[in-house]
N, C-alpha and C. Protein backbone atom coordinates (compact mmCIF):
# COMPACT_ATOMS: atom_id res chain seq x y z
N MET A 1 -3.38 -8.52 218.78
CA MET A 1 -4.05 -7.57 219.65
C MET A 1 -4.07 -6.13 218.96
N THR A 2 -4.28 -6.20 217.70
CA THR A 2 -4.37 -4.93 216.89
C THR A 2 -5.76 -4.45 217.04
N ARG A 3 -5.92 -3.12 217.30
CA ARG A 3 -7.33 -2.48 217.45
C ARG A 3 -7.39 -1.68 216.30
N ASN A 4 -8.57 -1.00 216.08
CA ASN A 4 -8.95 0.07 215.10
C ASN A 4 -7.99 1.23 215.32
N ALA A 5 -7.80 2.10 214.30
CA ALA A 5 -7.01 3.21 214.59
C ALA A 5 -7.50 4.29 215.42
N THR A 6 -8.61 4.22 215.93
CA THR A 6 -9.30 5.15 216.84
C THR A 6 -9.01 4.73 218.22
N SER A 7 -8.35 3.68 218.51
CA SER A 7 -8.24 3.04 219.71
C SER A 7 -6.56 2.91 220.02
N ALA A 8 -6.11 3.68 220.90
CA ALA A 8 -4.47 3.40 221.29
C ALA A 8 -4.39 2.03 221.69
N GLY A 9 -3.30 1.53 221.35
CA GLY A 9 -2.75 0.27 221.95
C GLY A 9 -2.37 0.38 223.46
N ARG A 10 -2.20 -0.83 223.99
CA ARG A 10 -1.82 -0.76 225.47
C ARG A 10 -0.39 -0.95 225.41
N LEU A 11 0.41 -0.37 226.43
CA LEU A 11 1.86 -0.67 226.69
C LEU A 11 1.82 -1.65 227.83
N ILE A 12 2.12 -2.91 227.56
CA ILE A 12 2.00 -4.05 228.64
C ILE A 12 3.45 -4.16 229.16
N ALA A 13 3.56 -3.69 230.32
CA ALA A 13 4.88 -3.52 231.10
C ALA A 13 5.18 -4.88 231.76
N VAL A 14 6.00 -5.87 231.29
CA VAL A 14 6.07 -7.04 231.96
C VAL A 14 7.41 -6.89 233.11
N VAL A 15 6.95 -7.20 234.20
CA VAL A 15 7.99 -6.90 235.34
C VAL A 15 7.92 -8.09 236.14
N GLY A 16 9.06 -8.29 236.90
CA GLY A 16 9.26 -9.26 237.88
C GLY A 16 10.66 -9.57 238.15
N PRO A 17 11.08 -10.20 239.22
CA PRO A 17 12.52 -10.28 239.60
C PRO A 17 13.17 -11.10 238.61
N SER A 18 14.59 -10.91 238.63
CA SER A 18 15.34 -11.54 237.84
C SER A 18 15.41 -13.14 237.85
N GLY A 19 15.47 -13.74 236.87
CA GLY A 19 15.11 -15.08 236.87
C GLY A 19 13.72 -15.62 236.95
N VAL A 20 12.70 -14.81 236.63
CA VAL A 20 11.38 -15.32 236.87
C VAL A 20 10.82 -15.76 235.44
N GLY A 21 11.68 -15.52 234.49
CA GLY A 21 11.10 -16.10 233.10
C GLY A 21 10.50 -14.89 232.35
N LYS A 22 10.71 -13.67 232.55
CA LYS A 22 10.05 -12.54 231.73
C LYS A 22 10.16 -12.83 230.21
N ASP A 23 11.47 -13.07 229.69
CA ASP A 23 11.82 -13.20 228.39
C ASP A 23 11.12 -14.37 227.66
N SER A 24 11.10 -15.65 228.42
CA SER A 24 10.54 -16.81 227.85
C SER A 24 9.16 -16.63 227.90
N VAL A 25 8.53 -15.95 228.85
CA VAL A 25 6.90 -15.64 228.91
C VAL A 25 6.65 -14.87 227.59
N MET A 26 7.53 -13.59 227.56
CA MET A 26 7.08 -12.81 226.39
C MET A 26 7.19 -13.35 224.99
N ALA A 27 8.32 -14.25 224.80
CA ALA A 27 8.44 -14.94 223.57
C ALA A 27 7.50 -15.76 223.32
N GLY A 28 6.94 -16.57 224.29
CA GLY A 28 5.80 -17.41 224.23
C GLY A 28 4.50 -16.68 223.83
N MET A 29 4.31 -15.62 224.56
CA MET A 29 3.11 -14.87 224.31
C MET A 29 3.14 -14.29 222.92
N HIS A 30 4.22 -14.02 222.42
CA HIS A 30 4.21 -13.36 220.89
C HIS A 30 3.81 -14.56 219.96
N ARG A 31 4.33 -15.81 220.43
CA ARG A 31 4.03 -16.85 219.43
C ARG A 31 2.52 -17.10 219.61
N ALA A 32 1.95 -16.99 220.85
CA ALA A 32 0.49 -17.25 220.94
C ALA A 32 -0.22 -16.09 220.36
N ILE A 33 0.11 -14.89 220.49
CA ILE A 33 -0.59 -13.75 219.98
C ILE A 33 0.22 -12.91 219.18
N PRO A 34 0.49 -13.40 217.84
CA PRO A 34 1.46 -12.78 216.89
C PRO A 34 1.19 -11.26 216.66
N SER A 35 -0.03 -10.71 216.88
CA SER A 35 -0.26 -9.33 216.72
C SER A 35 0.46 -8.32 217.82
N LEU A 36 0.89 -9.09 219.05
CA LEU A 36 1.57 -8.19 219.86
C LEU A 36 2.91 -7.81 219.30
N HIS A 37 3.28 -6.66 219.64
CA HIS A 37 4.63 -6.23 219.25
C HIS A 37 5.56 -6.13 220.35
N VAL A 38 6.58 -7.00 220.25
CA VAL A 38 7.60 -7.08 221.29
C VAL A 38 8.67 -6.03 221.03
N VAL A 39 8.66 -5.03 222.09
CA VAL A 39 9.62 -4.00 222.03
C VAL A 39 11.02 -4.41 222.28
N ARG A 40 11.93 -4.07 221.42
CA ARG A 40 13.26 -4.32 221.59
C ARG A 40 14.07 -3.30 222.43
N ARG A 41 14.59 -3.52 223.50
CA ARG A 41 15.18 -2.50 224.33
C ARG A 41 16.62 -2.15 223.87
N VAL A 42 17.09 -1.21 224.18
CA VAL A 42 18.40 -0.84 224.05
C VAL A 42 19.09 -0.84 225.43
N ILE A 43 20.17 -1.51 225.58
CA ILE A 43 20.78 -1.95 227.00
C ILE A 43 22.34 -1.60 226.84
N THR A 44 22.90 -0.96 227.76
CA THR A 44 24.39 -0.83 227.83
C THR A 44 24.99 -2.18 228.37
N ARG A 45 24.83 -3.21 227.52
CA ARG A 45 25.24 -4.58 228.14
C ARG A 45 26.04 -5.13 226.73
N ALA A 46 27.01 -5.99 226.86
CA ALA A 46 27.54 -6.58 225.84
C ALA A 46 26.72 -7.18 225.09
N PRO A 47 26.96 -7.26 223.70
CA PRO A 47 26.15 -8.03 222.64
C PRO A 47 26.12 -9.50 222.83
N GLY A 48 25.00 -10.22 222.55
CA GLY A 48 25.10 -11.67 222.41
C GLY A 48 25.09 -12.40 223.83
N LEU A 49 24.54 -11.89 225.09
CA LEU A 49 24.64 -12.57 226.22
C LEU A 49 23.67 -13.43 226.45
N GLY A 50 22.58 -13.62 225.55
CA GLY A 50 21.49 -14.52 225.60
C GLY A 50 20.24 -13.76 226.39
N GLY A 51 19.30 -14.46 226.64
CA GLY A 51 18.12 -13.86 227.24
C GLY A 51 17.26 -13.12 226.19
N GLU A 52 16.91 -12.08 226.48
CA GLU A 52 16.18 -11.14 225.50
C GLU A 52 16.84 -10.70 224.32
N ASP A 53 16.08 -10.54 223.17
CA ASP A 53 16.83 -9.75 222.01
C ASP A 53 17.01 -8.27 222.38
N TYR A 54 18.06 -7.72 222.34
CA TYR A 54 18.18 -6.32 222.74
C TYR A 54 19.41 -5.64 221.71
N ASP A 55 19.22 -4.46 221.63
CA ASP A 55 20.44 -3.62 221.00
C ASP A 55 21.30 -3.13 222.05
N ALA A 56 22.57 -3.55 221.78
CA ALA A 56 23.60 -3.38 222.68
C ALA A 56 24.13 -1.95 222.41
N ALA A 57 24.45 -1.09 223.44
CA ALA A 57 25.22 0.20 223.26
C ALA A 57 26.15 0.37 224.37
N SER A 58 27.15 1.20 224.03
CA SER A 58 28.11 1.70 225.10
C SER A 58 27.39 2.63 226.01
N VAL A 59 27.91 2.96 227.09
CA VAL A 59 27.20 4.12 227.83
C VAL A 59 27.46 5.30 227.14
N ALA A 60 28.48 5.65 226.40
CA ALA A 60 28.60 6.82 225.55
C ALA A 60 27.46 6.97 224.36
N GLN A 61 27.41 5.80 223.78
CA GLN A 61 26.32 5.61 222.51
C GLN A 61 24.93 5.92 223.40
N PHE A 62 24.57 5.32 224.46
CA PHE A 62 23.41 5.44 225.16
C PHE A 62 23.05 6.89 225.57
N GLU A 63 24.21 7.42 225.93
CA GLU A 63 23.92 8.94 226.58
C GLU A 63 23.69 9.80 225.19
N THR A 64 24.20 9.65 224.09
CA THR A 64 24.04 10.32 222.92
C THR A 64 22.57 9.97 222.41
N MET A 65 22.18 8.69 222.46
CA MET A 65 20.77 8.59 222.26
C MET A 65 19.79 9.21 223.08
N VAL A 66 20.03 9.35 224.24
CA VAL A 66 19.34 10.01 225.26
C VAL A 66 19.14 11.55 224.74
N GLU A 67 20.33 12.22 224.46
CA GLU A 67 20.30 13.54 224.17
C GLU A 67 19.65 13.68 222.95
N ASN A 68 19.78 12.69 221.98
CA ASN A 68 19.01 12.90 220.54
C ASN A 68 17.53 12.53 220.64
N GLY A 69 16.83 12.15 221.86
CA GLY A 69 15.53 11.89 221.89
C GLY A 69 15.23 10.46 221.35
N ALA A 70 15.99 9.64 221.34
CA ALA A 70 15.75 8.22 220.76
C ALA A 70 14.90 7.41 221.63
N PHE A 71 14.83 7.81 222.82
CA PHE A 71 13.99 6.96 223.85
C PHE A 71 12.66 7.59 224.30
N THR A 72 11.55 6.92 224.53
CA THR A 72 10.49 7.48 225.12
C THR A 72 10.54 7.24 226.43
N LEU A 73 11.35 6.53 227.08
CA LEU A 73 11.65 6.21 228.45
C LEU A 73 12.87 5.54 228.54
N HIS A 74 13.84 5.93 229.68
CA HIS A 74 15.18 5.29 230.10
C HIS A 74 15.12 5.34 231.51
N TRP A 75 15.95 4.20 231.86
CA TRP A 75 16.52 4.17 233.33
C TRP A 75 17.69 3.43 233.62
N GLY A 76 18.21 3.38 234.64
CA GLY A 76 19.22 2.65 235.02
C GLY A 76 18.77 1.60 236.05
N ALA A 77 19.46 0.43 236.03
CA ALA A 77 19.43 -0.67 236.95
C ALA A 77 20.41 -1.69 237.04
N HIS A 78 20.92 -2.22 238.08
CA HIS A 78 22.08 -3.15 238.17
C HIS A 78 23.24 -2.88 237.46
N GLY A 79 23.42 -1.43 237.48
CA GLY A 79 24.81 -1.09 236.80
C GLY A 79 24.60 -0.84 235.17
N LEU A 80 23.36 -1.08 234.71
CA LEU A 80 23.19 -0.89 233.18
C LEU A 80 22.22 0.15 233.08
N HIS A 81 22.23 0.62 231.68
CA HIS A 81 21.06 1.69 231.40
C HIS A 81 20.32 0.92 230.21
N TYR A 82 18.81 1.15 230.36
CA TYR A 82 17.80 0.52 229.62
C TYR A 82 17.20 1.60 228.81
N GLY A 83 16.78 1.57 227.64
CA GLY A 83 15.94 2.47 227.02
C GLY A 83 14.86 1.83 226.06
N ILE A 84 13.57 2.42 226.04
CA ILE A 84 12.42 2.07 225.32
C ILE A 84 12.56 2.86 224.04
N PRO A 85 12.74 2.52 222.93
CA PRO A 85 12.86 3.45 221.63
C PRO A 85 11.63 4.02 221.54
N ILE A 86 11.74 5.20 220.94
CA ILE A 86 10.52 6.28 220.88
C ILE A 86 9.68 5.78 219.78
N THR A 87 10.07 4.67 218.87
CA THR A 87 9.00 4.05 217.94
C THR A 87 8.01 3.33 218.52
N VAL A 88 7.94 2.96 219.81
CA VAL A 88 7.02 2.35 220.54
C VAL A 88 5.62 3.19 220.39
N ARG A 89 5.75 4.49 220.57
CA ARG A 89 4.68 5.42 220.40
C ARG A 89 3.97 5.23 219.02
N HIS A 90 4.55 4.88 217.77
CA HIS A 90 3.97 4.87 216.61
C HIS A 90 2.99 3.54 216.66
N HIS A 91 3.65 2.52 217.25
CA HIS A 91 2.90 1.16 217.38
C HIS A 91 1.54 1.51 218.27
N LEU A 92 1.74 2.09 219.31
CA LEU A 92 0.66 2.42 220.24
C LEU A 92 -0.40 3.25 219.44
N ALA A 93 -0.08 4.20 218.76
CA ALA A 93 -1.12 4.97 217.98
C ALA A 93 -1.69 4.22 216.93
N GLN A 94 -1.08 3.19 216.44
CA GLN A 94 -1.73 2.42 215.33
C GLN A 94 -2.72 1.40 216.10
N GLY A 95 -2.75 1.36 217.59
CA GLY A 95 -3.75 0.58 217.94
C GLY A 95 -3.11 -0.82 218.36
N THR A 96 -1.76 -0.90 218.30
CA THR A 96 -1.09 -2.20 218.55
C THR A 96 -0.73 -2.27 219.98
N ASP A 97 -1.07 -3.38 220.61
CA ASP A 97 -0.43 -3.56 221.98
C ASP A 97 0.97 -3.74 221.93
N CYS A 98 1.76 -3.23 222.81
CA CYS A 98 3.11 -3.56 222.84
C CYS A 98 3.47 -4.20 224.07
N LEU A 99 4.42 -5.12 224.07
CA LEU A 99 4.84 -5.96 225.17
C LEU A 99 6.39 -5.63 225.45
N VAL A 100 6.64 -5.12 226.64
CA VAL A 100 8.06 -4.63 226.95
C VAL A 100 8.53 -5.14 228.24
N ASN A 101 9.87 -5.75 228.26
CA ASN A 101 10.40 -5.86 229.50
C ASN A 101 10.63 -4.74 230.19
N PHE A 102 10.22 -4.65 231.50
CA PHE A 102 10.29 -3.29 232.10
C PHE A 102 10.87 -3.32 233.60
N SER A 103 11.14 -2.37 234.05
CA SER A 103 11.71 -2.24 235.44
C SER A 103 10.62 -1.58 236.28
N ARG A 104 10.52 -2.17 237.69
CA ARG A 104 9.46 -1.74 238.51
C ARG A 104 9.81 -0.18 238.79
N LYS A 105 11.11 0.30 238.81
CA LYS A 105 11.41 1.50 239.37
C LYS A 105 10.80 2.66 238.18
N ALA A 106 10.54 2.11 236.96
CA ALA A 106 10.33 3.12 235.80
C ALA A 106 8.81 3.05 235.68
N LEU A 107 8.06 2.24 236.50
CA LEU A 107 6.56 2.28 236.29
C LEU A 107 5.78 3.56 236.63
N PRO A 108 6.22 4.32 237.73
CA PRO A 108 5.40 5.43 237.97
C PRO A 108 5.54 6.55 236.74
N GLN A 109 6.76 6.56 236.10
CA GLN A 109 6.92 7.53 235.04
C GLN A 109 6.10 6.99 233.83
N ALA A 110 6.09 5.68 233.70
CA ALA A 110 5.36 5.03 232.59
C ALA A 110 3.88 5.37 232.64
N GLY A 111 3.40 5.19 234.05
CA GLY A 111 1.93 5.45 234.17
C GLY A 111 1.45 6.77 233.96
N GLU A 112 2.54 7.80 233.86
CA GLU A 112 2.24 9.15 233.54
C GLU A 112 2.12 9.30 231.98
N MET A 113 3.06 8.64 231.38
CA MET A 113 3.20 8.65 230.00
C MET A 113 2.07 7.97 229.05
N PHE A 114 1.67 6.86 229.63
CA PHE A 114 0.95 5.86 228.80
C PHE A 114 -0.39 5.56 229.46
N PRO A 115 -1.44 6.32 229.01
CA PRO A 115 -2.70 6.04 229.70
C PRO A 115 -3.38 4.65 229.70
N ARG A 116 -2.85 3.82 228.79
CA ARG A 116 -3.32 2.51 228.53
C ARG A 116 -2.29 1.57 229.14
N LEU A 117 -1.55 1.77 230.11
CA LEU A 117 -0.48 1.05 230.52
C LEU A 117 -1.09 -0.21 231.47
N VAL A 118 -0.71 -1.28 231.16
CA VAL A 118 -1.00 -2.48 231.97
C VAL A 118 0.33 -3.09 232.56
N VAL A 119 0.44 -3.57 233.69
CA VAL A 119 1.50 -4.10 234.30
C VAL A 119 1.29 -5.62 234.47
N LEU A 120 2.14 -6.56 233.68
CA LEU A 120 2.13 -7.95 233.80
C LEU A 120 3.16 -8.34 234.87
N ASN A 121 2.75 -8.58 236.17
CA ASN A 121 3.78 -8.75 237.11
C ASN A 121 3.88 -10.27 237.40
N ILE A 122 5.03 -10.69 236.76
CA ILE A 122 5.25 -12.36 236.85
C ILE A 122 6.10 -12.56 238.07
N THR A 123 5.67 -13.66 238.73
CA THR A 123 6.24 -14.04 240.03
C THR A 123 6.63 -15.53 240.14
N ALA A 124 7.46 -15.85 241.01
CA ALA A 124 8.04 -17.28 241.12
C ALA A 124 8.40 -17.48 242.65
N LYS A 125 8.46 -18.69 243.13
CA LYS A 125 8.76 -18.98 244.38
C LYS A 125 10.43 -18.65 244.52
N PRO A 126 10.90 -18.27 245.69
CA PRO A 126 12.27 -18.11 245.80
C PRO A 126 13.22 -19.08 245.57
N GLU A 127 12.84 -20.39 245.65
CA GLU A 127 13.74 -21.47 245.35
C GLU A 127 13.76 -21.66 243.70
N THR A 128 12.74 -21.28 242.95
CA THR A 128 12.66 -21.38 241.62
C THR A 128 13.52 -20.27 240.96
N LEU A 129 13.37 -18.98 241.60
CA LEU A 129 14.17 -17.88 241.07
C LEU A 129 15.76 -18.19 241.33
N ALA A 130 15.99 -18.80 242.43
CA ALA A 130 17.63 -19.19 242.84
C ALA A 130 18.16 -20.04 241.69
N GLN A 131 17.31 -21.17 241.45
CA GLN A 131 17.75 -22.11 240.52
C GLN A 131 17.88 -21.62 239.21
N ARG A 132 16.91 -20.63 238.62
CA ARG A 132 16.99 -20.07 237.25
C ARG A 132 18.21 -19.21 237.17
N LEU A 133 18.33 -18.38 238.14
CA LEU A 133 19.48 -17.33 238.17
C LEU A 133 20.91 -18.08 238.26
N ALA A 134 21.01 -19.24 238.87
CA ALA A 134 22.20 -19.94 238.88
C ALA A 134 22.40 -20.59 237.49
N ALA A 135 21.44 -21.08 236.90
CA ALA A 135 21.44 -21.83 235.67
C ALA A 135 21.96 -20.81 234.39
N ARG A 136 21.51 -19.58 234.55
CA ARG A 136 21.82 -18.75 233.49
C ARG A 136 23.31 -18.22 233.52
N ALA A 137 24.01 -18.41 234.75
CA ALA A 137 25.27 -18.13 234.91
C ALA A 137 25.75 -16.69 234.45
N ARG A 138 25.01 -15.82 234.67
CA ARG A 138 25.47 -14.35 234.34
C ARG A 138 25.78 -13.54 235.47
N GLU A 139 25.40 -14.03 236.73
CA GLU A 139 25.65 -13.30 238.10
C GLU A 139 26.61 -14.16 238.91
N THR A 140 27.31 -13.43 239.80
CA THR A 140 28.05 -14.21 241.02
C THR A 140 27.03 -14.54 242.00
N GLU A 141 27.47 -15.32 242.94
CA GLU A 141 26.59 -15.70 244.05
C GLU A 141 26.13 -14.50 244.85
N GLU A 142 26.93 -13.48 245.05
CA GLU A 142 26.56 -12.34 245.68
C GLU A 142 25.52 -11.52 244.98
N GLU A 143 25.53 -11.53 243.57
CA GLU A 143 24.83 -10.71 242.84
C GLU A 143 23.37 -11.41 242.69
N ILE A 144 23.37 -12.84 242.72
CA ILE A 144 22.07 -13.66 242.92
C ILE A 144 21.53 -13.28 244.25
N SER A 145 22.29 -13.29 245.34
CA SER A 145 21.64 -12.87 246.63
C SER A 145 21.12 -11.67 246.71
N GLU A 146 21.66 -10.68 246.00
CA GLU A 146 21.14 -9.32 245.95
C GLU A 146 19.83 -9.33 245.11
N ARG A 147 19.64 -9.92 244.04
CA ARG A 147 18.52 -9.95 243.29
C ARG A 147 17.36 -10.81 243.88
N LEU A 148 17.78 -11.70 244.61
CA LEU A 148 16.63 -12.50 245.42
C LEU A 148 16.10 -11.61 246.54
N ALA A 149 17.00 -10.77 247.04
CA ALA A 149 16.54 -9.92 248.20
C ALA A 149 15.62 -8.91 247.75
N GLU A 150 15.61 -8.53 246.38
CA GLU A 150 14.91 -7.43 245.89
C GLU A 150 13.53 -8.04 245.12
N ALA A 151 13.36 -9.48 245.16
CA ALA A 151 12.35 -10.08 244.40
C ALA A 151 11.05 -9.56 244.87
N ASP A 152 10.74 -9.42 246.21
CA ASP A 152 9.55 -9.07 246.78
C ASP A 152 9.16 -7.68 246.97
N LYS A 153 9.92 -6.78 246.31
CA LYS A 153 9.71 -5.38 246.21
C LYS A 153 8.16 -5.13 245.79
N PRO A 154 7.46 -4.17 246.56
CA PRO A 154 6.05 -3.96 246.04
C PRO A 154 5.98 -3.06 244.79
N LEU A 155 5.04 -3.17 244.05
CA LEU A 155 4.75 -2.52 242.77
C LEU A 155 4.18 -1.02 243.19
N PRO A 156 4.33 0.09 242.32
CA PRO A 156 3.65 1.25 242.74
C PRO A 156 2.35 1.16 242.83
N ALA A 157 1.63 1.95 243.78
CA ALA A 157 0.25 2.08 243.77
C ALA A 157 -0.48 2.66 242.53
N GLY A 158 -1.60 2.53 242.23
CA GLY A 158 -2.46 3.13 241.26
C GLY A 158 -2.26 2.79 239.82
N LEU A 159 -1.55 1.68 239.66
CA LEU A 159 -1.39 0.93 238.32
C LEU A 159 -2.34 -0.31 238.03
N GLU A 160 -2.84 -0.54 236.75
CA GLU A 160 -3.51 -1.77 236.41
C GLU A 160 -2.56 -2.85 236.46
N VAL A 161 -2.68 -3.71 237.32
CA VAL A 161 -1.71 -4.85 237.63
C VAL A 161 -2.22 -6.23 237.37
N ILE A 162 -1.73 -7.09 236.48
CA ILE A 162 -2.24 -8.38 236.45
C ILE A 162 -0.87 -9.20 236.94
N HIS A 163 -1.37 -10.20 237.88
CA HIS A 163 -0.47 -11.09 238.62
C HIS A 163 -0.40 -12.45 237.91
N LEU A 164 0.78 -12.91 237.63
CA LEU A 164 1.01 -14.29 236.90
C LEU A 164 2.26 -14.96 237.60
N ALA A 165 1.76 -16.34 238.16
CA ALA A 165 2.88 -17.03 238.60
C ALA A 165 3.40 -17.94 237.50
N ASN A 166 4.79 -17.95 237.66
CA ASN A 166 5.44 -18.78 236.56
C ASN A 166 6.51 -19.84 237.36
N ASP A 167 5.68 -20.93 238.04
CA ASP A 167 6.40 -21.89 238.88
C ASP A 167 6.18 -23.21 238.07
N GLY A 168 5.23 -23.28 237.26
CA GLY A 168 4.89 -24.68 236.56
C GLY A 168 5.45 -24.62 235.20
N PRO A 169 4.78 -25.39 234.33
CA PRO A 169 5.31 -25.49 232.99
C PRO A 169 5.04 -24.21 232.28
N LEU A 170 6.07 -23.75 231.47
CA LEU A 170 6.05 -22.37 230.65
C LEU A 170 4.69 -22.44 229.80
N SER A 171 4.36 -23.55 229.15
CA SER A 171 3.27 -23.25 228.27
C SER A 171 2.03 -23.01 229.01
N GLN A 172 1.80 -23.61 230.33
CA GLN A 172 0.76 -23.14 231.13
C GLN A 172 0.65 -21.68 231.57
N THR A 173 1.78 -21.33 231.83
CA THR A 173 2.01 -19.82 232.21
C THR A 173 1.71 -19.05 230.82
N ILE A 174 2.20 -19.30 229.81
CA ILE A 174 1.88 -18.45 228.50
C ILE A 174 0.31 -18.59 228.26
N ALA A 175 -0.26 -19.68 228.33
CA ALA A 175 -1.61 -19.81 228.16
C ALA A 175 -2.43 -18.94 229.10
N ARG A 176 -1.94 -18.96 230.20
CA ARG A 176 -2.78 -18.02 231.32
C ARG A 176 -2.54 -16.70 231.02
N ALA A 177 -1.34 -16.22 230.72
CA ALA A 177 -1.07 -14.96 230.33
C ALA A 177 -1.85 -14.39 229.14
N ALA A 178 -2.03 -15.31 228.19
CA ALA A 178 -2.70 -14.91 226.88
C ALA A 178 -4.17 -14.61 227.19
N ASP A 179 -4.76 -15.51 228.09
CA ASP A 179 -6.07 -15.39 228.70
C ASP A 179 -6.40 -14.11 229.32
N LEU A 180 -5.38 -13.75 230.18
CA LEU A 180 -5.61 -12.62 231.01
C LEU A 180 -5.46 -11.16 230.23
N LEU A 181 -4.64 -11.32 229.07
CA LEU A 181 -4.45 -9.99 228.44
C LEU A 181 -5.44 -10.06 227.16
N GLN A 182 -6.07 -10.83 226.82
CA GLN A 182 -7.03 -10.85 225.66
C GLN A 182 -7.89 -9.55 225.99
N PRO A 183 -7.95 -8.86 224.75
CA PRO A 183 -8.74 -7.51 224.81
C PRO A 183 -10.32 -7.86 224.88
N VAL A 184 -10.87 -6.98 225.53
CA VAL A 184 -12.35 -6.97 225.65
C VAL A 184 -12.91 -6.44 224.20
N SER A 185 -13.84 -7.03 223.76
CA SER A 185 -14.36 -6.73 222.33
C SER A 185 -14.92 -5.23 222.49
N VAL A 186 -14.60 -4.39 221.63
CA VAL A 186 -15.14 -3.15 221.42
C VAL A 186 -16.41 -2.88 220.93
């Protein structure tokens, strides 16, 4: 999804409740559309915990990065800090669509910063979410209950949102996502 240099790329913010399969869908979309740039976030999480590819940082390292302007956007959620590297702006300026795992709470600020923001809202049935969260074994039962309680939070108004259900086979979800995000010919 690379465009000519006169057209800025889209920031595609992938959101959805924990366990919905954001990382799996994003990886599949990158395989289906190799020109998509998958943004690697910086997270104050121990390295190597699975799921998405990320750069681990301590809280002190993260705070230093914030002070040094390393992020175009950052937020906190679930006791962790997340940062979108400033390098995403270069990719967007080159006309490359960028796919990034995002937080619903950071969407209003992203909407102000990125004029071509598109939100890919991935959903799944509560029972599907519960099974996936339990299978990944990263949260306690209490944390899983808290995450499930937040699953239906509404998205901020005024954003371009594409809704995508991920209850069936992953290959079908990826194919639908690719169809929904294909750029209109210029």
